[in-house]
C-alpha atoms as a PDB file:
ATOM      1  CA  MET A   1      14.261   2.037 -24.462  1.00  0.00           C
ATOM      2  CA  GLY A   2      16.024   0.668 -21.393  1.00  0.00           C
ATOM      3  CA  PHE A   3      14.187  -1.202 -18.667  1.00  0.00           C
ATOM      4  CA  PHE A   4      14.682   1.594 -16.121  1.00  0.00           C
ATOM      5  CA  ASP A   5      13.765   4.450 -18.443  1.00  0.00           C
ATOM      6  CA  LYS A   6      10.337   4.509 -16.780  1.00  0.00           C
ATOM      7  CA  LEU A   7      12.065   5.083 -13.455  1.00  0.00           C
ATOM      8  CA  LYS A   8      13.988   8.039 -14.845  1.00  0.00           C
ATOM      9  CA  LYS A   9      10.759   9.704 -15.923  1.00  0.00           C
ATOM     10  CA  ILE A  10       8.878   9.312 -12.661  1.00  0.00           C
ATOM     11  CA  THR A  11      11.564  10.202 -10.132  1.00  0.00           C
ATOM     12  CA  ASN A  12      13.778  13.163  -9.407  1.00  0.00           C
ATOM     13  CA  ASN A  13      17.293  11.783  -9.050  1.00  0.00           C
ATOM     14  CA  VAL A  14      18.957  12.142  -5.670  1.00  0.00           C
ATOM     15  CA  PHE A  15      21.783  14.216  -7.131  1.00  0.00           C
ATOM     16  CA  GLY A  16      19.497  17.228  -7.474  1.00  0.00           C
ATOM     17  CA  SER A  17      19.296  19.713 -10.316  1.00  0.00           C
ATOM     18  CA  GLY A  18      20.818  22.860  -8.826  1.00  0.00           C
ATOM     19  CA  PHE A  19      24.484  21.869  -8.780  1.00  0.00           C
ATOM     20  CA  THR A  20      26.935  24.783  -8.742  1.00  0.00           C
ATOM     21  CA  GLU A  21      29.932  23.432  -6.845  1.00  0.00           C
ATOM     22  CA  ALA A  22      30.885  20.546  -4.606  1.00  0.00           C
ATOM     23  CA  ASP A  23      30.880  22.476  -1.329  1.00  0.00           C
ATOM     24  CA  GLU A  24      29.692  21.307   2.085  1.00  0.00           C
ATOM     25  CA  ASN A  25      26.121  22.368   1.345  1.00  0.00           C
ATOM     26  CA  PHE A  26      26.163  20.129  -1.708  1.00  0.00           C
ATOM     27  CA  PHE A  27      27.396  17.110   0.256  1.00  0.00           C
ATOM     28  CA  ASP A  28      24.908  17.724   3.085  1.00  0.00           C
ATOM     29  CA  GLU A  29      22.011  17.946   0.611  1.00  0.00           C
ATOM     30  CA  LEU A  30      23.188  14.859  -1.235  1.00  0.00           C
ATOM     31  CA  GLU A  31      23.337  12.844   1.987  1.00  0.00           C
ATOM     32  CA  GLU A  32      19.835  14.004   2.906  1.00  0.00           C
ATOM     33  CA  ASN A  33      18.497  13.071  -0.536  1.00  0.00           C
ATOM     34  CA  LEU A  34      20.035   9.610  -0.311  1.00  0.00           C
ATOM     35  CA  ILE A  35      18.385   9.061   3.070  1.00  0.00           C
ATOM     36  CA  LEU A  36      15.043  10.233   1.651  1.00  0.00           C
ATOM     37  CA  ALA A  37      15.518   7.695  -1.142  1.00  0.00           C
ATOM     38  CA  ASP A  38      15.632   4.975   1.560  1.00  0.00           C
ATOM     39  CA  VAL A  39      19.325   4.282   1.157  1.00  0.00           C
ATOM     40  CA  GLY A  40      19.639   4.479   4.951  1.00  0.00           C
ATOM     41  CA  MET A  41      21.678   6.673   7.285  1.00  0.00           C
ATOM     42  CA  GLU A  42      24.790   4.493   7.503  1.00  0.00           C
ATOM     43  CA  THR A  43      24.994   3.719   3.790  1.00  0.00           C
ATOM     44  CA  ALA A  44      24.314   7.321   2.796  1.00  0.00           C
ATOM     45  CA  THR A  45      26.907   8.695   5.229  1.00  0.00           C
ATOM     46  CA  ASP A  46      29.571   6.209   4.110  1.00  0.00           C
ATOM     47  CA  ALA A  47      28.916   6.827   0.416  1.00  0.00           C
ATOM     48  CA  VAL A  48      28.987  10.624   0.714  1.00  0.00           C
ATOM     49  CA  GLU A  49      32.134  10.556   2.846  1.00  0.00           C
ATOM     50  CA  GLU A  50      33.904   8.407   0.247  1.00  0.00           C
ATOM     51  CA  LEU A  51      32.662  10.707  -2.510  1.00  0.00           C
ATOM     52  CA  ARG A  52      33.893  13.776  -0.622  1.00  0.00           C
ATOM     53  CA  LYS A  53      37.392  12.265  -0.335  1.00  0.00           C
ATOM     54  CA  ILE A  54      37.568  11.408  -4.040  1.00  0.00           C
ATOM     55  CA  VAL A  55      36.263  14.814  -5.139  1.00  0.00           C
ATOM     56  CA  ARG A  56      38.878  16.584  -3.039  1.00  0.00           C
ATOM     57  CA  ARG A  57      41.698  14.214  -3.938  1.00  0.00           C
ATOM     58  CA  ASP A  58      41.072  14.377  -7.684  1.00  0.00           C
ATOM     59  CA  GLY A  59      39.846  17.960  -7.815  1.00  0.00           C
ATOM     60  CA  LEU A  60      36.548  17.009  -9.454  1.00  0.00           C
ATOM     61  CA  ARG A  61      34.370  19.963 -10.419  1.00  0.00           C
ATOM     62  CA  ASP A  62      32.129  18.739 -13.209  1.00  0.00           C
ATOM     63  CA  ALA A  63      28.663  17.621 -12.071  1.00  0.00           C
ATOM     64  CA  GLU A  64      28.594  14.630 -14.367  1.00  0.00           C
ATOM     65  CA  GLU A  65      31.988  13.417 -13.156  1.00  0.00           C
ATOM     66  CA  ILE A  66      30.815  13.631  -9.563  1.00  0.00           C
ATOM     67  CA  ARG A  67      27.522  11.916 -10.405  1.00  0.00           C
ATOM     68  CA  TRP A  68      29.394   9.101 -12.157  1.00  0.00           C
ATOM     69  CA  THR A  69      31.712   8.720  -9.157  1.00  0.00           C
ATOM     70  CA  LEU A  70      28.778   8.363  -6.770  1.00  0.00           C
ATOM     71  CA  ARG A  71      27.252   5.706  -9.000  1.00  0.00           C
ATOM     72  CA  VAL A  72      30.523   3.768  -8.980  1.00  0.00           C
ATOM     73  CA  ILE A  73      30.665   3.936  -5.172  1.00  0.00           C
ATOM     74  CA  LEU A  74      27.106   2.650  -4.770  1.00  0.00           C
ATOM     75  CA  GLU A  75      27.517   0.023  -7.474  1.00  0.00           C
ATOM     76  CA  GLY A  76      30.528  -1.266  -5.568  1.00  0.00           C
ATOM     77  CA  GLN A  77      28.373  -1.680  -2.474  1.00  0.00           C
ATOM     78  CA  MET A  78      25.868  -3.696  -4.518  1.00  0.00           C
ATOM     79  CA  SER A  79      28.480  -5.984  -6.090  1.00  0.00           C
ATOM     80  CA  VAL A  80      28.034  -8.980  -3.803  1.00  0.00           C
ATOM     81  CA  GLY A  81      27.367 -11.860  -6.176  1.00  0.00           C
ATOM     82  CA  SER A  82      26.007 -12.856  -9.543  1.00  0.00           C
ATOM     83  CA  PRO A  83      22.637 -11.307 -10.484  1.00  0.00           C
ATOM     84  CA  GLU A  84      21.940 -14.298 -12.732  1.00  0.00           C
ATOM     85  CA  LEU A  85      19.380 -16.887 -11.669  1.00  0.00           C
ATOM     86  CA  ASP A  86      20.825 -20.354 -11.085  1.00  0.00           C
ATOM     87  CA  LEU A  87      18.768 -22.600 -13.375  1.00  0.00           C
ATOM     88  CA  THR A  88      20.928 -25.683 -13.891  1.00  0.00           C
ATOM     89  CA  PRO A  89      20.775 -28.563 -13.248  1.00  0.00           C
ATOM     90  CA  SER A  90      17.026 -28.889 -13.700  1.00  0.00           C
ATOM     91  CA  PRO A  91      14.458 -28.858 -12.372  1.00  0.00           C
ATOM     92  CA  ALA A  92      15.645 -25.624 -10.780  1.00  0.00           C
ATOM     93  CA  VAL A  93      13.531 -24.784  -7.731  1.00  0.00           C
ATOM     94  CA  ILE A  94      12.979 -21.129  -6.847  1.00  0.00           C
ATOM     95  CA  LEU A  95      11.305 -20.294  -3.524  1.00  0.00           C
ATOM     96  CA  PHE A  96       9.711 -16.855  -3.321  1.00  0.00           C
ATOM     97  CA  VAL A  97       9.487 -15.442   0.211  1.00  0.00           C
ATOM     98  CA  GLY A  98       8.307 -12.125   1.621  1.00  0.00           C
ATOM     99  CA  VAL A  99       5.503 -10.528   3.609  1.00  0.00           C
ATOM    100  CA  ASN A 100       2.004 -10.314   2.195  1.00  0.00           C
ATOM    101  CA  GLY A 101       1.360  -7.465  -0.206  1.00  0.00           C
ATOM    102  CA  VAL A 102       4.847  -6.998  -1.653  1.00  0.00           C
ATOM    103  CA  GLY A 103       3.967  -8.546  -5.021  1.00  0.00           C
ATOM    104  CA  LYS A 104       5.202 -12.094  -4.493  1.00  0.00           C
ATOM    105  CA  THR A 105       2.506 -13.908  -6.449  1.00  0.00           C
ATOM    106  CA  THR A 106       2.602 -11.313  -9.220  1.00  0.00           C
ATOM    107  CA  SER A 107       6.387 -11.628  -9.479  1.00  0.00           C
ATOM    108  CA  ILE A 108       6.107 -15.398  -9.818  1.00  0.00           C
ATOM    109  CA  GLY A 109       3.640 -15.060 -12.676  1.00  0.00           C
ATOM    110  CA  LYS A 110       5.777 -12.482 -14.452  1.00  0.00           C
ATOM    111  CA  LEU A 111       8.953 -14.535 -14.014  1.00  0.00           C
ATOM    112  CA  ALA A 112       7.144 -17.586 -15.368  1.00  0.00           C
ATOM    113  CA  TYR A 113       6.241 -15.576 -18.463  1.00  0.00           C
ATOM    114  CA  TYR A 114       9.810 -14.280 -18.819  1.00  0.00           C
ATOM    115  CA  LEU A 115      11.364 -17.734 -18.484  1.00  0.00           C
ATOM    116  CA  ARG A 116       8.945 -19.314 -20.920  1.00  0.00           C
ATOM    117  CA  ARG A 117       9.069 -16.562 -23.553  1.00  0.00           C
ATOM    118  CA  ARG A 118      12.653 -15.342 -23.298  1.00  0.00           C
ATOM    119  CA  LYS A 119      14.499 -18.433 -22.072  1.00  0.00           C
ATOM    120  CA  ARG A 120      12.267 -21.116 -23.645  1.00  0.00           C
ATOM    121  CA  LYS A 121      11.954 -22.921 -20.307  1.00  0.00           C
ATOM    122  CA  LYS A 122       9.232 -25.326 -19.229  1.00  0.00           C
ATOM    123  CA  VAL A 123       7.921 -23.773 -16.005  1.00  0.00           C
ATOM    124  CA  LEU A 124       5.717 -25.286 -13.296  1.00  0.00           C
ATOM    125  CA  LEU A 125       4.124 -23.137 -10.577  1.00  0.00           C
ATOM    126  CA  CYS A 126       3.582 -24.364  -7.012  1.00  0.00           C
ATOM    127  CA  ALA A 127       0.805 -22.788  -4.919  1.00  0.00           C
ATOM    128  CA  ALA A 128       2.358 -23.501  -1.507  1.00  0.00           C
ATOM    129  CA  ASP A 129       0.771 -20.445   0.128  1.00  0.00           C
ATOM    130  CA  THR A 130      -2.263 -22.315   1.402  1.00  0.00           C
ATOM    131  CA  PHE A 131      -2.814 -20.015   4.380  1.00  0.00           C
ATOM    132  CA  ARG A 132      -3.963 -16.863   2.596  1.00  0.00           C
ATOM    133  CA  ALA A 133      -7.449 -16.897   1.152  1.00  0.00           C
ATOM    134  CA  ALA A 134      -7.470 -16.743  -2.663  1.00  0.00           C
ATOM    135  CA  ALA A 135      -3.672 -17.085  -2.965  1.00  0.00           C
ATOM    136  CA  GLY A 136      -4.054 -20.232  -5.050  1.00  0.00           C
ATOM    137  CA  GLU A 137      -6.672 -18.644  -7.275  1.00  0.00           C
ATOM    138  CA  GLN A 138      -4.455 -15.628  -7.903  1.00  0.00           C
ATOM    139  CA  LEU A 139      -1.495 -17.804  -8.831  1.00  0.00           C
ATOM    140  CA  GLU A 140      -3.686 -19.865 -11.145  1.00  0.00           C
ATOM    141  CA  ILE A 141      -4.717 -16.697 -12.994  1.00  0.00           C
ATOM    142  CA  TRP A 142      -1.048 -15.843 -13.499  1.00  0.00           C
ATOM    143  CA  ALA A 143      -0.336 -19.394 -14.643  1.00  0.00           C
ATOM    144  CA  GLN A 144      -2.976 -18.984 -17.330  1.00  0.00           C
ATOM    145  CA  ARG A 145      -1.557 -15.623 -18.406  1.00  0.00           C
ATOM    146  CA  ALA A 146       1.938 -17.068 -18.654  1.00  0.00           C
ATOM    147  CA  SER A 147       0.687 -20.309 -20.264  1.00  0.00           C
ATOM    148  CA  CYS A 148       2.313 -22.440 -17.560  1.00  0.00           C
ATOM    149  CA  ASP A 149       1.143 -25.433 -15.551  1.00  0.00           C
ATOM    150  CA  ILE A 150       0.340 -25.141 -11.849  1.00  0.00           C
ATOM    151  CA  ILE A 151      -0.018 -27.531  -8.923  1.00  0.00           C
ATOM    152  CA  ARG A 152      -2.434 -26.388  -6.218  1.00  0.00           C
ATOM    153  CA  GLN A 153      -4.681 -27.895  -3.576  1.00  0.00           C
ATOM    154  CA  LYS A 154      -7.471 -26.582  -1.384  1.00  0.00           C
ATOM    155  CA  GLU A 155      -6.925 -23.825   1.147  1.00  0.00           C
ATOM    156  CA  GLY A 156      -5.444 -25.073   4.424  1.00  0.00           C
ATOM    157  CA  THR A 157      -3.563 -27.993   2.866  1.00  0.00           C
ATOM    158  CA  ASP A 158      -0.082 -28.632   4.247  1.00  0.00           C
ATOM    159  CA  PRO A 159       2.278 -26.523   2.069  1.00  0.00           C
ATOM    160  CA  GLY A 160       4.857 -29.293   2.236  1.00  0.00           C
ATOM    161  CA  ALA A 161       2.417 -31.714   0.623  1.00  0.00           C
ATOM    162  CA  VAL A 162       1.764 -29.274  -2.221  1.00  0.00           C
ATOM    163  CA  LEU A 163       5.498 -28.805  -2.763  1.00  0.00           C
ATOM    164  CA  PHE A 164       6.087 -32.569  -2.703  1.00  0.00           C
ATOM    165  CA  ASP A 165       3.421 -33.141  -5.355  1.00  0.00           C
ATOM    166  CA  THR A 166       4.830 -30.301  -7.441  1.00  0.00           C
ATOM    167  CA  LEU A 167       8.377 -31.680  -7.388  1.00  0.00           C
ATOM    168  CA  GLN A 168       7.135 -35.147  -8.352  1.00  0.00           C
ATOM    169  CA  ALA A 169       5.205 -33.631 -11.253  1.00  0.00           C
ATOM    170  CA  ALA A 170       8.215 -31.532 -12.292  1.00  0.00           C
ATOM    171  CA  LYS A 171      10.427 -34.599 -12.513  1.00  0.00           C
ATOM    172  CA  ALA A 172       7.796 -36.672 -14.320  1.00  0.00           C
ATOM    173  CA  ARG A 173       7.063 -33.901 -16.856  1.00  0.00           C
ATOM    174  CA  LYS A 174      10.749 -32.984 -17.229  1.00  0.00           C
ATOM    175  CA  MET A 175      10.192 -29.377 -16.234  1.00  0.00           C
ATOM    176  CA  ASP A 176      13.083 -26.908 -16.308  1.00  0.00           C
ATOM    177  CA  VAL A 177      12.005 -24.595 -13.479  1.00  0.00           C
ATOM    178  CA  VAL A 178       9.653 -24.786 -10.485  1.00  0.00           C
ATOM    179  CA  LEU A 179       8.478 -21.469  -8.994  1.00  0.00           C
ATOM    180  CA  VAL A 180       7.148 -21.812  -5.447  1.00  0.00           C
ATOM    181  CA  ASP A 181       4.791 -19.334  -3.779  1.00  0.00           C
ATOM    182  CA  THR A 182       5.071 -19.363   0.030  1.00  0.00           C
ATOM    183  CA  ALA A 183       3.101 -17.880   2.903  1.00  0.00           C
ATOM    184  CA  GLY A 184       3.950 -14.281   3.694  1.00  0.00           C
ATOM    185  CA  ARG A 185       2.780 -14.345   7.261  1.00  0.00           C
ATOM    186  CA  LEU A 186       2.242 -17.146   9.752  1.00  0.00           C
ATOM    187  CA  HIS A 187       1.338 -16.934  13.428  1.00  0.00           C
ATOM    188  CA  ASN A 188       4.805 -15.841  14.511  1.00  0.00           C
ATOM    189  CA  LYS A 189       8.407 -15.781  13.359  1.00  0.00           C
ATOM    190  CA  ALA A 190       9.121 -19.231  14.810  1.00  0.00           C
ATOM    191  CA  ASN A 191       6.292 -20.747  12.743  1.00  0.00           C
ATOM    192  CA  LEU A 192       7.521 -18.952   9.635  1.00  0.00           C
ATOM    193  CA  MET A 193      11.049 -20.247  10.115  1.00  0.00           C
ATOM    194  CA  ALA A 194       9.803 -23.783  10.764  1.00  0.00           C
ATOM    195  CA  GLU A 195       7.587 -23.767   7.671  1.00  0.00           C
ATOM    196  CA  LEU A 196      10.312 -22.474   5.347  1.00  0.00           C
ATOM    197  CA  SER A 197      12.840 -24.873   6.843  1.00  0.00           C
ATOM    198  CA  LYS A 198      10.462 -27.769   6.146  1.00  0.00           C
ATOM    199  CA  LEU A 199      10.044 -26.705   2.526  1.00  0.00           C
ATOM    200  CA  ARG A 200      13.797 -26.520   2.039  1.00  0.00           C
ATOM    201  CA  LYS A 201      14.226 -30.014   3.490  1.00  0.00           C
ATOM    202  CA  ILE A 202      11.648 -31.379   1.048  1.00  0.00           C
ATOM    203  CA  ILE A 203      13.559 -29.832  -1.845  1.00  0.00           C
ATOM    204  CA  ASP A 204      16.845 -31.275  -0.520  1.00  0.00           C
ATOM    205  CA  ARG A 205      15.289 -34.719  -0.257  1.00  0.00           C
ATOM    206  CA  GLU A 206      13.338 -34.824  -3.519  1.00  0.00           C
ATOM    207  CA  CYS A 207      15.669 -32.802  -5.784  1.00  0.00           C
ATOM    208  CA  PRO A 208      19.117 -33.051  -4.187  1.00  0.00           C
ATOM    209  CA  ASP A 209      21.002 -32.235  -7.373  1.00  0.00           C
ATOM    210  CA  SER A 210      18.747 -29.451  -8.626  1.00  0.00           C
ATOM    211  CA  ALA A 211      19.673 -25.790  -8.713  1.00  0.00           C
ATOM    212  CA  ARG A 212      17.800 -23.765  -6.134  1.00  0.00           C
ATOM    213  CA  GLU A 213      17.200 -20.156  -5.267  1.00  0.00           C
ATOM    214  CA  THR A 214      15.427 -18.426  -2.368  1.00  0.00           C
ATOM    215  CA  LEU A 215      14.359 -14.951  -3.437  1.00  0.00           C
ATOM    216  CA  LEU A 216      13.084 -12.288  -1.046  1.00  0.00           C
ATOM    217  CA  VAL A 217      10.522  -9.989  -2.652  1.00  0.00           C
ATOM    218  CA  LEU A 218      10.812  -6.379  -1.436  1.00  0.00           C
ATOM    219  CA  ASP A 219       8.360  -3.590  -2.199  1.00  0.00           C
ATOM    220  CA  ALA A 220      10.220  -0.436  -3.318  1.00  0.00           C
ATOM    221  CA  THR A 221       7.892   1.636  -1.134  1.00  0.00           C
ATOM    222  CA  THR A 222       8.692  -0.349   2.027  1.00  0.00           C
ATOM    223  CA  GLY A 223      11.530   1.909   3.166  1.00  0.00           C
ATOM    224  CA  GLN A 224      13.679   0.942   6.126  1.00  0.00           C
ATOM    225  CA  ASN A 225      11.211  -1.787   7.164  1.00  0.00           C
ATOM    226  CA  GLY A 226      12.640  -3.682   4.216  1.00  0.00           C
ATOM    227  CA  LEU A 227      15.893  -4.169   6.103  1.00  0.00           C
ATOM    228  CA  ILE A 228      14.028  -5.663   9.066  1.00  0.00           C
ATOM    229  CA  GLN A 229      12.116  -7.992   6.739  1.00  0.00           C
ATOM    230  CA  ALA A 230      15.327  -9.021   5.019  1.00  0.00           C
ATOM    231  CA  ARG A 231      17.016  -9.953   8.294  1.00  0.00           C
ATOM    232  CA  GLN A 232      14.049 -12.074   9.373  1.00  0.00           C
ATOM    233  CA  PHE A 233      13.781 -13.962   6.109  1.00  0.00           C
ATOM    234  CA  ARG A 234      17.547 -14.411   5.909  1.00  0.00           C
ATOM    235  CA  ASP A 235      17.405 -16.200   9.258  1.00  0.00           C
ATOM    236  CA  ALA A 236      14.367 -18.231   8.223  1.00  0.00           C
ATOM    237  CA  ALA A 237      15.172 -19.144   4.661  1.00  0.00           C
ATOM    238  CA  GLY A 238      18.815 -18.545   3.729  1.00  0.00           C
ATOM    239  CA  LEU A 239      18.377 -16.006   0.930  1.00  0.00           C
ATOM    240  CA  THR A 240      20.200 -16.144  -2.399  1.00  0.00           C
ATOM    241  CA  GLY A 241      18.761 -13.002  -3.984  1.00  0.00           C
ATOM    242  CA  LEU A 242      16.279 -10.149  -3.945  1.00  0.00           C
ATOM    243  CA  VAL A 243      13.360  -9.108  -6.140  1.00  0.00           C
ATOM    244  CA  LEU A 244      12.542  -5.387  -6.124  1.00  0.00           C
ATOM    245  CA  THR A 245       8.921  -4.602  -7.020  1.00  0.00           C
ATOM    246  CA  LYS A 246       6.668  -1.572  -7.506  1.00  0.00           C
ATOM    247  CA  LEU A 247       9.234   0.756  -9.043  1.00  0.00           C
ATOM    248  CA  ASP A 248       6.456   2.237 -11.164  1.00  0.00           C
ATOM    249  CA  GLY A 249       5.532   4.737  -8.446  1.00  0.00           C
ATOM    250  CA  THR A 250       7.577   7.523  -6.913  1.00  0.00           C
ATOM    251  CA  ALA A 251       9.721   5.178  -4.800  1.00  0.00           C
ATOM    252  CA  LYS A 252      13.357   4.795  -5.799  1.00  0.00           C
ATOM    253  CA  GLY A 253      13.859   1.497  -3.970  1.00  0.00           C
ATOM    254  CA  GLY A 254      17.083   2.659  -2.341  1.00  0.00           C
ATOM    255  CA  ILE A 255      16.542   0.143   0.458  1.00  0.00           C
ATOM    256  CA  VAL A 256      18.052  -2.554  -1.777  1.00  0.00           C
ATOM    257  CA  ILE A 257      21.483  -0.962  -1.400  1.00  0.00           C
ATOM    258  CA  PRO A 258      21.844  -1.447   2.395  1.00  0.00           C
ATOM    259  CA  VAL A 259      20.018  -4.794   2.206  1.00  0.00           C
ATOM    260  CA  THR A 260      22.419  -6.028  -0.465  1.00  0.00           C
ATOM    261  CA  LYS A 261      25.395  -4.700   1.462  1.00  0.00           C
ATOM    262  CA  GLU A 262      24.385  -6.186   4.832  1.00  0.00           C
ATOM    263  CA  LEU A 263      23.049  -9.547   3.661  1.00  0.00           C
ATOM    264  CA  GLY A 264      25.580 -10.126   0.904  1.00  0.00           C
ATOM    265  CA  VAL A 265      22.935 -11.170  -1.632  1.00  0.00           C
ATOM    266  CA  PRO A 266      22.365  -9.528  -5.027  1.00  0.00           C
ATOM    267  CA  VAL A 267      19.211  -8.049  -6.510  1.00  0.00           C
ATOM    268  CA  LYS A 268      18.259 -10.477  -9.291  1.00  0.00           C
ATOM    269  CA  LEU A 269      14.933  -9.158 -10.601  1.00  0.00           C
ATOM    270  CA  ALA A 270      13.045  -5.867 -10.695  1.00  0.00           C
ATOM    271  CA  GLY A 271       9.535  -4.791 -11.653  1.00  0.00           C
ATOM    272  CA  VAL A 272       8.740  -1.356 -13.046  1.00  0.00           C
ATOM    273  CA  GLY A 273       5.139  -1.792 -14.127  1.00  0.00           C
ATOM    274  CA  GLU A 274       1.971  -3.836 -14.027  1.00  0.00           C
ATOM    275  CA  ALA A 275       2.272  -5.494 -17.434  1.00  0.00           C
ATOM    276  CA  ILE A 276       3.263  -9.151 -17.566  1.00  0.00           C
ATOM    277  CA  GLY A 277       6.559  -8.227 -19.238  1.00  0.00           C
ATOM    278  CA  ASP A 278       7.532  -5.638 -16.611  1.00  0.00           C
ATOM    279  CA  LEU A 279       9.670  -7.956 -14.462  1.00  0.00           C
ATOM    280  CA  GLN A 280      13.166  -8.444 -15.816  1.00  0.00           C
ATOM    281  CA  PRO A 281      16.736  -9.185 -14.693  1.00  0.00           C
ATOM    282  CA  PHE A 282      18.142  -6.436 -12.494  1.00  0.00           C
ATOM    283  CA  ASP A 283      20.959  -4.271 -13.808  1.00  0.00           C
ATOM    284  CA  ALA A 284      22.609  -2.337 -10.962  1.00  0.00           C
ATOM    285  CA  ARG A 285      24.355   0.118 -13.272  1.00  0.00           C
ATOM    286  CA  ALA A 286      21.189   0.943 -15.215  1.00  0.00           C
ATOM    287  CA  TYR A 287      19.240   1.268 -11.962  1.00  0.00           C
ATOM    288  CA  LEU A 288      21.748   3.722 -10.484  1.00  0.00           C
ATOM    289  CA  GLU A 289      21.820   5.725 -13.705  1.00  0.00           C
ATOM    290  CA  ALA A 290      18.076   6.134 -13.351  1.00  0.00           C
ATOM    291  CA  VAL A 291      18.065   7.357  -9.758  1.00  0.00           C
ATOM    292  CA  ILE A 292      21.424   9.157  -9.361  1.00  0.00           C
END
């Protein structure tokens, strides 16, 4: 069973089930369904207009041919870089950023499990979100579940100090990957940008030759607010990829298409359930097959 088979079962695809012919009513309904799936007005309009031109040019009449064509169009918009995590040279450092409540800490724990079990990597977790009460405790629970080490300090500690200690430990223990939890909300955007910038400078100084990623975690239910979040964190952190979470509900997560298109960063991971193994590498083609 494919990773997105769960998504197929819990959503009605945007293509609809009452196809008879590719007339204007069909294209209007398709555009509306794409917007309802959080693909966004501009992306939906552009995709449907391109589809309309191809259908007319090639005389497409079969529903499956038209569905396949729409998938190809949207997949093209999502093809902006490699979906693979950059893990060499080690210790690779992966910063997780995003607002509170999107599943950041959970995603870190699940990725730690995936990297240890599937990739045979030695993973160290860094509890650098020292602003949110119980963030460190939550990450420690995930570290235990994934059988990984963690570096954490008391609430209110300077996040930079926690990251520094973690990177020193990673080098001393010859770790392969460091996963860093960061604060989802500070006093204002300027503080957020300053904090993330400081963390990046520490990584540059302590692990100048290491691979690094900055992944924005987006909740599939966020809708168009996800695009606003993505712009803010792009400015603050310099994103290299996206993590799409909470695809186990009714949300289709279509927001990742305009975010990917505008920011030029690929979706690298996706979560479709609550189990520790339910976060895996993102496959754009499989995802679109599930929702289109």
